[in-house]
């Protein structure tokens, strides 16, 4: 059986970083899908749904409202494997193009205080499944990768070679 592109990435070699997963043409527009890999697949524990859910609420809020690029944001949400998130933007981008925006997004999550946006029963289908402290922890860990992205021996901006 043929595999989709995301299943052909060698997850044994994949480390936390920002990767272009795919680029799709929709009409005259290019949609770039980013793989925001926050943990090492099959090496570290995956994120629990509560922190991933909180991360989704906060990052989507930041990206759509405060990033200055909200008109280009298509989607931000968790991967099924719970090792990161997908981020879709309208436009033809490379990983480095969004590095600063993703750093600011995760700083926003790391520093967030108050009521998580969209956590009322009328706003969310699973409003009780949140963990702000763990979302902050995950953000701090991911920021350590992002702050030092050019210091790794292997690229954390381009998928590893097969």
Protein backbone atom coordinates (compact mmCIF):
# COMPACT_ATOMS: atom_id res chain seq x y z
CA UNK A 1 0.00 0.00 0.00
CA UNK A 2 1.26 3.46 -0.85
CA UNK A 3 2.14 5.79 2.06
CA UNK A 4 1.23 9.45 2.38
CA UNK A 5 4.18 11.85 2.57
CA UNK A 6 4.13 12.34 6.34
CA UNK A 7 4.51 8.58 6.88
CA UNK A 8 7.62 8.49 4.70
CA UNK A 9 9.66 10.74 7.03
CA UNK A 10 12.16 8.73 9.09
CA UNK A 11 10.79 9.33 12.57
CA UNK A 12 13.81 7.57 14.12
CA UNK A 13 16.02 10.42 12.89
CA UNK A 14 13.46 13.20 13.49
CA UNK A 15 14.22 15.60 16.33
CA UNK A 16 12.37 18.65 17.69
CA UNK A 17 12.36 21.56 15.25
CA UNK A 18 10.33 23.33 12.57
CA UNK A 19 9.90 21.48 9.29
CA UNK A 20 8.03 22.14 6.06
CA UNK A 21 5.76 19.12 5.82
CA UNK A 22 4.19 19.99 2.47
CA UNK A 23 3.12 22.73 0.11
CA UNK A 24 -0.22 22.53 -1.64
CA UNK A 25 -1.58 24.67 -4.42
CA UNK A 26 -5.19 25.75 -3.84
CA UNK A 27 -6.32 27.86 -6.75
CA UNK A 28 -3.65 30.54 -7.14
CA UNK A 29 -2.57 30.24 -3.51
CA UNK A 30 0.11 28.06 -1.91
CA UNK A 31 -0.68 26.61 1.50
CA UNK A 32 2.42 25.66 3.51
CA UNK A 33 2.03 23.00 6.20
CA UNK A 34 4.62 23.09 8.97
CA UNK A 35 5.52 20.23 11.28
CA UNK A 36 6.26 21.83 14.66
CA UNK A 37 7.93 18.84 16.25
CA UNK A 38 8.21 19.41 20.00
CA UNK A 39 9.43 16.03 21.22
CA UNK A 40 11.67 13.30 19.80
CA UNK A 41 9.35 10.67 18.29
CA UNK A 42 9.59 7.24 19.88
CA UNK A 43 12.28 8.47 22.33
CA UNK A 44 10.40 10.72 24.75
CA UNK A 45 6.98 10.46 26.32
CA UNK A 46 4.32 12.04 24.16
CA UNK A 47 2.34 15.02 25.37
CA UNK A 48 -0.89 14.32 27.18
CA UNK A 49 -4.08 15.62 25.64
CA UNK A 50 -4.62 18.23 28.37
CA UNK A 51 -1.39 20.18 27.75
CA UNK A 52 -1.68 19.73 24.00
CA UNK A 53 -5.25 21.05 24.11
CA UNK A 54 -4.16 24.11 26.14
CA UNK A 55 -1.26 24.67 23.79
CA UNK A 56 -3.66 24.56 20.86
CA UNK A 57 -6.02 27.14 22.42
CA UNK A 58 -3.22 29.54 23.35
CA UNK A 59 -1.09 29.21 20.21
CA UNK A 60 -4.09 29.52 17.88
CA UNK A 61 -5.20 32.62 19.78
CA UNK A 62 -1.75 34.19 19.59
CA UNK A 63 -1.22 33.34 15.92
CA UNK A 64 -4.63 34.59 14.78
CA UNK A 65 -4.89 37.71 16.95
CA UNK A 66 -1.46 38.91 18.08
CA UNK A 67 1.13 37.67 15.56
CA UNK A 68 0.40 40.29 12.91
CA UNK A 69 -0.01 37.40 10.45
CA UNK A 70 -3.52 36.30 11.45
CA UNK A 71 -4.88 36.81 7.95
CA UNK A 72 -2.47 34.11 6.69
CA UNK A 73 -3.09 31.57 9.47
CA UNK A 74 -5.17 28.64 8.24
CA UNK A 75 -4.85 26.14 11.10
CA UNK A 76 -2.89 25.27 14.24
CA UNK A 77 -3.56 21.94 15.91
CA UNK A 78 -2.12 18.77 17.41
CA UNK A 79 -0.67 15.79 15.59
CA UNK A 80 -2.37 12.49 16.30
CA UNK A 81 0.90 11.06 17.65
CA UNK A 82 1.05 13.89 20.22
CA UNK A 83 4.70 14.75 19.49
CA UNK A 84 3.92 18.17 18.04
CA UNK A 85 1.49 20.31 16.08
CA UNK A 86 0.71 21.16 12.50
CA UNK A 87 0.61 24.81 11.48
CA UNK A 88 -0.84 25.81 8.10
CA UNK A 89 -0.27 29.22 6.53
CA UNK A 90 -1.41 30.78 3.29
CA UNK A 91 1.74 31.49 1.30
CA UNK A 92 4.93 29.83 0.11
CA UNK A 93 7.23 29.68 3.15
CA UNK A 94 10.32 27.92 4.45
CA UNK A 95 10.91 27.01 8.09
CA UNK A 96 13.24 29.93 8.77
CA UNK A 97 10.55 32.37 7.54
CA UNK A 98 8.35 31.57 10.55
CA UNK A 99 11.01 30.94 13.20
CA UNK A 100 10.55 34.28 14.98
CA UNK A 101 6.75 34.00 14.86
CA UNK A 102 6.88 30.51 16.39
CA UNK A 103 9.33 31.66 19.06
CA UNK A 104 6.95 34.51 19.99
CA UNK A 105 4.01 32.10 20.00
CA UNK A 106 5.66 29.72 22.45
CA UNK A 107 6.89 32.61 24.60
CA UNK A 108 3.25 33.72 24.78
CA UNK A 109 2.24 30.25 25.98
CA UNK A 110 5.18 30.03 28.40
CA UNK A 111 4.31 33.40 29.96
CA UNK A 112 0.51 33.14 29.83
CA UNK A 113 -1.44 33.98 32.99
CA UNK A 114 -5.18 34.00 33.45
CA UNK A 115 -8.11 32.16 31.95
CA UNK A 116 -7.28 30.07 28.90
CA UNK A 117 -9.31 31.42 25.95
CA UNK A 118 -12.19 29.24 24.82
CA UNK A 119 -12.51 27.09 27.93
CA UNK A 120 -16.18 27.59 28.66
CA UNK A 121 -18.59 24.73 27.87
CA UNK A 122 -20.23 26.84 25.15
CA UNK A 123 -16.82 27.47 23.50
CA UNK A 124 -15.16 24.05 23.54
CA UNK A 125 -16.23 20.45 23.15
CA UNK A 126 -13.81 19.22 25.83
CA UNK A 127 -13.44 22.30 28.04
CA UNK A 128 -12.30 20.37 31.13
CA UNK A 129 -9.27 18.79 29.42
CA UNK A 130 -6.62 21.50 29.92
CA UNK A 131 -3.31 21.78 31.75
CA UNK A 132 -1.71 25.23 31.66
CA UNK A 133 1.30 24.30 33.81
CA UNK A 134 2.26 21.44 31.48
CA UNK A 135 1.63 23.58 28.37
CA UNK A 136 4.08 26.09 29.81
CA UNK A 137 6.58 23.31 30.52
CA UNK A 138 6.33 21.97 26.96
CA UNK A 139 6.74 25.52 25.63
CA UNK A 140 9.89 26.11 27.71
CA UNK A 141 11.42 22.87 26.43
CA UNK A 142 10.54 23.66 22.81
CA UNK A 143 11.89 27.21 23.13
CA UNK A 144 15.28 25.80 24.17
CA UNK A 145 15.37 24.06 20.77
CA UNK A 146 14.13 27.12 18.89
CA UNK A 147 16.55 29.53 20.59
CA UNK A 148 19.49 27.30 19.58
CA UNK A 149 18.16 26.02 16.25
CA UNK A 150 21.39 26.80 14.38
CA UNK A 151 23.64 25.18 16.99
CA UNK A 152 22.63 21.57 16.38
CA UNK A 153 24.92 19.32 14.33
CA UNK A 154 21.93 18.27 12.21
CA UNK A 155 19.36 20.63 10.74
CA UNK A 156 16.23 21.19 12.76
CA UNK A 157 14.70 23.22 9.89
CA UNK A 158 14.75 20.55 7.14
CA UNK A 159 13.54 16.96 7.47
CA UNK A 160 16.36 14.41 7.91
CA UNK A 161 17.42 12.50 4.82
CA UNK A 162 16.11 8.97 4.51
